[in-house]
């Protein structure tokens, strides 16, 4: 599993290079954020993947801004989940994209997440995370929720992890460290949470990949 925020999908060629080399190469599922339809289609085409994409809003340059899930396996169901607490200044909505992936006859429920920036407050972002967990509830025993949770403010990482733990999700990417380069230093914003799956290895690919976010990867034991 890989999660990668591509920063307005501006550097698609660099992203394809990153996703084509170890440790990201061969990922069964890739969750992507800040994408537009054309960029998702190009990445999926060049990597030989199927995908589902939904826009959340439209940027000032008229490009879509949304989330995607790309998979080496058939996607047998998908949907878009609107998250509460729109940006109070830009009225920009955030979403999660959910997909059921059939991996050799075993179905895994997946979600690509892009929570709001800290401008909505920690409580708002926790509400958004809980909305996603609620949307996944009852869909199956194997679940992976991955993406950009925007936990840049002090204490927000611990609160986000606590929320997922209380809902029986394991922090599968625990310990990978900062995932974003910023003017104020490194920030831990991108996560993978899982239920019913055992993580074996995890990490962050810190080589140039066309974004201020670094791709996060987790390898799970299979079969579950």
C-alpha atoms as a PDB file:
ATOM      1  CA  UNK A   1       0.000   0.000   0.000  1.00  0.00           C
ATOM      2  CA  UNK A   2       1.244   3.476  -0.917  1.00  0.00           C
ATOM      3  CA  UNK A   3      -0.229   6.875  -0.098  1.00  0.00           C
ATOM      4  CA  UNK A   4       0.990   9.951  -1.949  1.00  0.00           C
ATOM      5  CA  UNK A   5      -0.192  13.578  -2.057  1.00  0.00           C
ATOM      6  CA  UNK A   6       1.088  14.869  -5.406  1.00  0.00           C
ATOM      7  CA  UNK A   7       0.718  18.616  -4.663  1.00  0.00           C
ATOM      8  CA  UNK A   8      -1.858  19.747  -7.253  1.00  0.00           C
ATOM      9  CA  UNK A   9      -0.736  16.978  -9.643  1.00  0.00           C
ATOM     10  CA  UNK A  10       1.827  19.289 -11.212  1.00  0.00           C
ATOM     11  CA  UNK A  11       4.772  16.868 -11.511  1.00  0.00           C
ATOM     12  CA  UNK A  12       3.223  13.732 -12.952  1.00  0.00           C
ATOM     13  CA  UNK A  13       6.346  12.496 -14.749  1.00  0.00           C
ATOM     14  CA  UNK A  14       8.350  12.633 -11.518  1.00  0.00           C
ATOM     15  CA  UNK A  15       5.563  10.820  -9.675  1.00  0.00           C
ATOM     16  CA  UNK A  16       5.513   8.020 -12.242  1.00  0.00           C
ATOM     17  CA  UNK A  17       9.267   7.614 -11.873  1.00  0.00           C
ATOM     18  CA  UNK A  18       8.934   7.389  -8.088  1.00  0.00           C
ATOM     19  CA  UNK A  19       6.081   4.892  -8.269  1.00  0.00           C
ATOM     20  CA  UNK A  20       8.059   2.756 -10.722  1.00  0.00           C
ATOM     21  CA  UNK A  21      11.123   2.232  -8.518  1.00  0.00           C
ATOM     22  CA  UNK A  22      11.594   0.326  -5.258  1.00  0.00           C
ATOM     23  CA  UNK A  23      10.230   0.445  -2.633  1.00  0.00           C
ATOM     24  CA  UNK A  24       7.048   1.797  -4.283  1.00  0.00           C
ATOM     25  CA  UNK A  25       7.149  -0.298  -7.459  1.00  0.00           C
ATOM     26  CA  UNK A  26       4.587  -3.075  -7.612  1.00  0.00           C
ATOM     27  CA  UNK A  27       2.255  -1.625  -4.990  1.00  0.00           C
ATOM     28  CA  UNK A  28      -1.114  -3.360  -5.065  1.00  0.00           C
ATOM     29  CA  UNK A  29      -3.017  -0.207  -4.091  1.00  0.00           C
ATOM     30  CA  UNK A  30      -2.008   3.463  -4.308  1.00  0.00           C
ATOM     31  CA  UNK A  31      -4.008   6.200  -2.581  1.00  0.00           C
ATOM     32  CA  UNK A  32      -3.413   9.646  -4.102  1.00  0.00           C
ATOM     33  CA  UNK A  33      -4.535  13.140  -3.143  1.00  0.00           C
ATOM     34  CA  UNK A  34      -4.556  16.593  -4.805  1.00  0.00           C
ATOM     35  CA  UNK A  35      -5.186  14.950  -8.156  1.00  0.00           C
ATOM     36  CA  UNK A  36      -7.064  15.831 -11.332  1.00  0.00           C
ATOM     37  CA  UNK A  37      -8.693  13.380 -13.721  1.00  0.00           C
ATOM     38  CA  UNK A  38      -6.116  13.610 -16.508  1.00  0.00           C
ATOM     39  CA  UNK A  39      -3.186  13.072 -14.156  1.00  0.00           C
ATOM     40  CA  UNK A  40      -4.760  10.014 -12.532  1.00  0.00           C
ATOM     41  CA  UNK A  41      -5.525   8.542 -15.938  1.00  0.00           C
ATOM     42  CA  UNK A  42      -1.964   9.062 -17.135  1.00  0.00           C
ATOM     43  CA  UNK A  43      -0.392   7.506 -14.036  1.00  0.00           C
ATOM     44  CA  UNK A  44      -2.754   4.531 -14.157  1.00  0.00           C
ATOM     45  CA  UNK A  45      -2.137   4.022 -17.871  1.00  0.00           C
ATOM     46  CA  UNK A  46       1.643   4.121 -17.593  1.00  0.00           C
ATOM     47  CA  UNK A  47       1.720   1.844 -14.549  1.00  0.00           C
ATOM     48  CA  UNK A  48      -0.904  -0.571 -15.881  1.00  0.00           C
ATOM     49  CA  UNK A  49      -3.387   0.041 -13.085  1.00  0.00           C
ATOM     50  CA  UNK A  50      -7.128   0.391 -12.791  1.00  0.00           C
ATOM     51  CA  UNK A  51      -8.457   3.321 -10.800  1.00  0.00           C
ATOM     52  CA  UNK A  52     -11.318   5.312  -9.340  1.00  0.00           C
ATOM     53  CA  UNK A  53     -11.175   9.096  -9.044  1.00  0.00           C
ATOM     54  CA  UNK A  54     -13.565  11.694  -7.659  1.00  0.00           C
ATOM     55  CA  UNK A  55     -13.086  15.477  -7.579  1.00  0.00           C
ATOM     56  CA  UNK A  56     -13.680  17.402  -4.368  1.00  0.00           C
ATOM     57  CA  UNK A  57     -13.545  20.937  -5.754  1.00  0.00           C
ATOM     58  CA  UNK A  58     -12.266  23.046  -8.623  1.00  0.00           C
ATOM     59  CA  UNK A  59      -9.146  25.164  -8.286  1.00  0.00           C
ATOM     60  CA  UNK A  60      -8.710  28.748  -9.473  1.00  0.00           C
ATOM     61  CA  UNK A  61      -6.973  27.393 -12.591  1.00  0.00           C
ATOM     62  CA  UNK A  62     -10.117  25.325 -13.330  1.00  0.00           C
ATOM     63  CA  UNK A  63      -8.359  22.009 -12.628  1.00  0.00           C
ATOM     64  CA  UNK A  64     -10.082  19.349 -10.550  1.00  0.00           C
ATOM     65  CA  UNK A  65      -8.815  18.765  -7.010  1.00  0.00           C
ATOM     66  CA  UNK A  66      -9.645  15.338  -5.655  1.00  0.00           C
ATOM     67  CA  UNK A  67      -8.633  11.871  -4.488  1.00  0.00           C
ATOM     68  CA  UNK A  68      -7.907   8.625  -6.290  1.00  0.00           C
ATOM     69  CA  UNK A  69      -7.336   4.952  -5.605  1.00  0.00           C
ATOM     70  CA  UNK A  70      -5.249   2.996  -8.132  1.00  0.00           C
ATOM     71  CA  UNK A  71      -5.036  -0.791  -8.032  1.00  0.00           C
ATOM     72  CA  UNK A  72      -3.351  -3.773  -9.682  1.00  0.00           C
ATOM     73  CA  UNK A  73      -6.492  -5.725  -8.871  1.00  0.00           C
ATOM     74  CA  UNK A  74     -10.123  -5.283  -9.905  1.00  0.00           C
ATOM     75  CA  UNK A  75     -12.068  -2.490  -8.207  1.00  0.00           C
ATOM     76  CA  UNK A  76     -15.541  -3.952  -7.752  1.00  0.00           C
ATOM     77  CA  UNK A  77     -17.263  -1.053  -5.959  1.00  0.00           C
ATOM     78  CA  UNK A  78     -16.522   2.579  -5.196  1.00  0.00           C
ATOM     79  CA  UNK A  79     -18.056   5.736  -3.804  1.00  0.00           C
ATOM     80  CA  UNK A  80     -17.336   9.302  -2.798  1.00  0.00           C
ATOM     81  CA  UNK A  81     -17.811  10.440   0.800  1.00  0.00           C
ATOM     82  CA  UNK A  82     -18.237  14.143   1.534  1.00  0.00           C
ATOM     83  CA  UNK A  83     -16.519  15.208   4.730  1.00  0.00           C
ATOM     84  CA  UNK A  84     -17.947  17.779   7.149  1.00  0.00           C
ATOM     85  CA  UNK A  85     -16.404  21.189   7.877  1.00  0.00           C
ATOM     86  CA  UNK A  86     -15.714  23.005   4.627  1.00  0.00           C
ATOM     87  CA  UNK A  87     -12.872  25.527   4.552  1.00  0.00           C
ATOM     88  CA  UNK A  88     -14.443  28.653   6.141  1.00  0.00           C
ATOM     89  CA  UNK A  89     -12.540  31.032   3.876  1.00  0.00           C
ATOM     90  CA  UNK A  90     -12.670  29.286   0.496  1.00  0.00           C
ATOM     91  CA  UNK A  91     -15.750  27.051   1.069  1.00  0.00           C
ATOM     92  CA  UNK A  92     -13.602  24.243  -0.281  1.00  0.00           C
ATOM     93  CA  UNK A  93     -14.922  20.767   0.441  1.00  0.00           C
ATOM     94  CA  UNK A  94     -12.835  17.730   1.331  1.00  0.00           C
ATOM     95  CA  UNK A  95     -13.710  14.144   0.481  1.00  0.00           C
ATOM     96  CA  UNK A  96     -12.664  10.533   0.862  1.00  0.00           C
ATOM     97  CA  UNK A  97     -12.749   8.048  -1.996  1.00  0.00           C
ATOM     98  CA  UNK A  98     -13.703   4.504  -1.028  1.00  0.00           C
ATOM     99  CA  UNK A  99     -13.147   1.393  -3.124  1.00  0.00           C
ATOM    100  CA  UNK A 100     -13.522  -2.353  -2.703  1.00  0.00           C
ATOM    101  CA  UNK A 101     -10.500  -4.106  -4.207  1.00  0.00           C
ATOM    102  CA  UNK A 102     -10.706  -7.817  -5.060  1.00  0.00           C
ATOM    103  CA  UNK A 103      -7.216  -9.221  -4.421  1.00  0.00           C
ATOM    104  CA  UNK A 104      -7.254 -12.773  -5.715  1.00  0.00           C
ATOM    105  CA  UNK A 105     -10.733 -13.394  -4.381  1.00  0.00           C
ATOM    106  CA  UNK A 106     -10.236 -11.579  -1.065  1.00  0.00           C
ATOM    107  CA  UNK A 107     -11.956  -8.223  -0.803  1.00  0.00           C
ATOM    108  CA  UNK A 108     -10.199  -5.312   0.882  1.00  0.00           C
ATOM    109  CA  UNK A 109     -11.985  -2.064   1.669  1.00  0.00           C
ATOM    110  CA  UNK A 110      -9.757   0.935   0.934  1.00  0.00           C
ATOM    111  CA  UNK A 111     -10.022   4.695   1.341  1.00  0.00           C
ATOM    112  CA  UNK A 112      -8.015   7.645   0.025  1.00  0.00           C
ATOM    113  CA  UNK A 113      -8.309  10.564   2.438  1.00  0.00           C
ATOM    114  CA  UNK A 114      -7.511  14.268   2.308  1.00  0.00           C
ATOM    115  CA  UNK A 115      -8.513  15.999   5.522  1.00  0.00           C
ATOM    116  CA  UNK A 116      -8.815  19.766   5.745  1.00  0.00           C
ATOM    117  CA  UNK A 117      -5.933  21.996   6.737  1.00  0.00           C
ATOM    118  CA  UNK A 118      -5.609  23.055  10.398  1.00  0.00           C
ATOM    119  CA  UNK A 119      -7.722  26.124   9.613  1.00  0.00           C
ATOM    120  CA  UNK A 120     -10.846  24.081  10.467  1.00  0.00           C
ATOM    121  CA  UNK A 121      -9.381  23.049  13.818  1.00  0.00           C
ATOM    122  CA  UNK A 122      -8.408  19.696  15.256  1.00  0.00           C
ATOM    123  CA  UNK A 123     -11.993  18.903  16.239  1.00  0.00           C
ATOM    124  CA  UNK A 124     -13.125  19.385  12.664  1.00  0.00           C
ATOM    125  CA  UNK A 125     -10.429  17.100  11.296  1.00  0.00           C
ATOM    126  CA  UNK A 126     -11.236  14.439  13.872  1.00  0.00           C
ATOM    127  CA  UNK A 127     -14.887  14.678  12.775  1.00  0.00           C
ATOM    128  CA  UNK A 128     -13.733  14.159   9.191  1.00  0.00           C
ATOM    129  CA  UNK A 129     -11.710  11.079  10.143  1.00  0.00           C
ATOM    130  CA  UNK A 130     -14.640   9.625  12.076  1.00  0.00           C
ATOM    131  CA  UNK A 131     -16.927  10.200   9.103  1.00  0.00           C
ATOM    132  CA  UNK A 132     -14.609   8.038   7.008  1.00  0.00           C
ATOM    133  CA  UNK A 133     -14.436   5.304   9.639  1.00  0.00           C
ATOM    134  CA  UNK A 134     -18.232   5.319   9.902  1.00  0.00           C
ATOM    135  CA  UNK A 135     -18.533   5.079   6.108  1.00  0.00           C
ATOM    136  CA  UNK A 136     -16.294   1.996   6.128  1.00  0.00           C
ATOM    137  CA  UNK A 137     -18.104   0.316   9.020  1.00  0.00           C
ATOM    138  CA  UNK A 138     -19.688  -3.008   8.161  1.00  0.00           C
ATOM    139  CA  UNK A 139     -18.159  -3.202   4.673  1.00  0.00           C
ATOM    140  CA  UNK A 140     -15.807  -6.056   5.503  1.00  0.00           C
ATOM    141  CA  UNK A 141     -13.129  -7.220   7.962  1.00  0.00           C
ATOM    142  CA  UNK A 142     -10.127  -6.026   5.915  1.00  0.00           C
ATOM    143  CA  UNK A 143      -9.824  -2.246   5.728  1.00  0.00           C
ATOM    144  CA  UNK A 144      -7.089   0.254   4.891  1.00  0.00           C
ATOM    145  CA  UNK A 145      -7.554   4.020   5.288  1.00  0.00           C
ATOM    146  CA  UNK A 146      -4.662   6.071   3.915  1.00  0.00           C
ATOM    147  CA  UNK A 147      -3.903   9.634   2.964  1.00  0.00           C
ATOM    148  CA  UNK A 148      -3.090  13.162   4.061  1.00  0.00           C
ATOM    149  CA  UNK A 149      -4.614  13.905   7.481  1.00  0.00           C
ATOM    150  CA  UNK A 150      -3.014  17.373   7.808  1.00  0.00           C
ATOM    151  CA  UNK A 151      -1.831  16.822  11.375  1.00  0.00           C
ATOM    152  CA  UNK A 152       0.624  19.717  11.451  1.00  0.00           C
ATOM    153  CA  UNK A 153      -0.533  21.413  14.663  1.00  0.00           C
ATOM    154  CA  UNK A 154       0.885  20.286  18.035  1.00  0.00           C
ATOM    155  CA  UNK A 155      -0.815  17.272  19.534  1.00  0.00           C
ATOM    156  CA  UNK A 156      -2.936  16.485  16.491  1.00  0.00           C
ATOM    157  CA  UNK A 157      -1.002  13.374  15.499  1.00  0.00           C
ATOM    158  CA  UNK A 158      -1.562  11.798  18.894  1.00  0.00           C
ATOM    159  CA  UNK A 159      -5.259  12.639  18.826  1.00  0.00           C
ATOM    160  CA  UNK A 160      -5.699  11.240  15.319  1.00  0.00           C
ATOM    161  CA  UNK A 161      -3.936   7.994  16.201  1.00  0.00           C
ATOM    162  CA  UNK A 162      -5.990   7.759  19.419  1.00  0.00           C
ATOM    163  CA  UNK A 163      -9.225   8.094  17.426  1.00  0.00           C
ATOM    164  CA  UNK A 164      -8.307   5.318  15.013  1.00  0.00           C
ATOM    165  CA  UNK A 165      -7.099   3.072  17.835  1.00  0.00           C
ATOM    166  CA  UNK A 166     -10.413   3.527  19.652  1.00  0.00           C
ATOM    167  CA  UNK A 167     -12.162   2.340  16.487  1.00  0.00           C
ATOM    168  CA  UNK A 168      -9.957  -0.788  16.254  1.00  0.00           C
ATOM    169  CA  UNK A 169      -7.577   0.462  13.567  1.00  0.00           C
ATOM    170  CA  UNK A 170      -3.839  -0.068  13.809  1.00  0.00           C
ATOM    171  CA  UNK A 171      -1.445   2.729  12.871  1.00  0.00           C
ATOM    172  CA  UNK A 172       0.212   0.672  10.137  1.00  0.00           C
ATOM    173  CA  UNK A 173       2.704   3.392   9.186  1.00  0.00           C
ATOM    174  CA  UNK A 174       3.801   4.109  12.770  1.00  0.00           C
ATOM    175  CA  UNK A 175       7.359   5.299  13.159  1.00  0.00           C
ATOM    176  CA  UNK A 176       8.048   6.406   9.591  1.00  0.00           C
ATOM    177  CA  UNK A 177       8.657   9.996  10.701  1.00  0.00           C
ATOM    178  CA  UNK A 178       7.974  13.233   8.876  1.00  0.00           C
ATOM    179  CA  UNK A 179       6.311  12.982   5.478  1.00  0.00           C
ATOM    180  CA  UNK A 180       6.345  16.617   4.300  1.00  0.00           C
ATOM    181  CA  UNK A 181       9.061  19.215   3.775  1.00  0.00           C
ATOM    182  CA  UNK A 182       7.951  22.736   4.701  1.00  0.00           C
ATOM    183  CA  UNK A 183       9.404  26.142   5.509  1.00  0.00           C
ATOM    184  CA  UNK A 184       8.994  25.348   9.204  1.00  0.00           C
ATOM    185  CA  UNK A 185      10.667  21.942   8.899  1.00  0.00           C
ATOM    186  CA  UNK A 186       9.472  18.381   8.530  1.00  0.00           C
ATOM    187  CA  UNK A 187       5.844  17.533   9.314  1.00  0.00           C
ATOM    188  CA  UNK A 188       4.035  14.198   9.873  1.00  0.00           C
ATOM    189  CA  UNK A 189       0.900  14.523   7.731  1.00  0.00           C
ATOM    190  CA  UNK A 190       0.455  11.240   5.819  1.00  0.00           C
ATOM    191  CA  UNK A 191      -0.710   7.972   7.376  1.00  0.00           C
ATOM    192  CA  UNK A 192      -1.845   4.424   6.746  1.00  0.00           C
ATOM    193  CA  UNK A 193      -4.321   2.856   9.177  1.00  0.00           C
ATOM    194  CA  UNK A 194      -5.482  -0.754   8.876  1.00  0.00           C
ATOM    195  CA  UNK A 195      -7.930  -3.217  10.331  1.00  0.00           C
ATOM    196  CA  UNK A 196      -7.643  -6.992   9.917  1.00  0.00           C
ATOM    197  CA  UNK A 197      -4.221  -6.779   8.243  1.00  0.00           C
ATOM    198  CA  UNK A 198      -0.748  -7.140   9.754  1.00  0.00           C
ATOM    199  CA  UNK A 199       1.934  -4.664   8.649  1.00  0.00           C
ATOM    200  CA  UNK A 200       5.350  -6.213   8.061  1.00  0.00           C
ATOM    201  CA  UNK A 201       7.383  -3.279   6.776  1.00  0.00           C
ATOM    202  CA  UNK A 202       6.826   0.454   6.375  1.00  0.00           C
ATOM    203  CA  UNK A 203       8.709   3.509   5.295  1.00  0.00           C
ATOM    204  CA  UNK A 204       8.885   6.839   3.496  1.00  0.00           C
ATOM    205  CA  UNK A 205      10.576   7.300   0.118  1.00  0.00           C
ATOM    206  CA  UNK A 206      12.398  10.591   0.630  1.00  0.00           C
ATOM    207  CA  UNK A 207      13.892  10.855  -2.854  1.00  0.00           C
ATOM    208  CA  UNK A 208      12.481  13.545  -5.188  1.00  0.00           C
ATOM    209  CA  UNK A 209       8.984  12.529  -6.318  1.00  0.00           C
ATOM    210  CA  UNK A 210       7.429  15.747  -7.632  1.00  0.00           C
ATOM    211  CA  UNK A 211       5.807  16.906  -4.392  1.00  0.00           C
ATOM    212  CA  UNK A 212       6.476  18.444  -0.999  1.00  0.00           C
ATOM    213  CA  UNK A 213       4.914  15.239   0.377  1.00  0.00           C
ATOM    214  CA  UNK A 214       6.959  12.049   0.422  1.00  0.00           C
ATOM    215  CA  UNK A 215       5.194   8.790  -0.515  1.00  0.00           C
ATOM    216  CA  UNK A 216       4.481   6.514   2.453  1.00  0.00           C
ATOM    217  CA  UNK A 217       4.441   2.744   1.933  1.00  0.00           C
ATOM    218  CA  UNK A 218       3.362  -0.249   4.010  1.00  0.00           C
ATOM    219  CA  UNK A 219       3.742  -3.922   3.164  1.00  0.00           C
ATOM    220  CA  UNK A 220       1.143  -6.183   4.781  1.00  0.00           C
ATOM    221  CA  UNK A 221       1.255  -9.928   5.435  1.00  0.00           C
ATOM    222  CA  UNK A 222      -0.721 -11.868   2.829  1.00  0.00           C
ATOM    223  CA  UNK A 223      -2.885 -13.869   2.981  1.00  0.00           C
ATOM    224  CA  UNK A 224      -4.445 -12.069   5.962  1.00  0.00           C
END
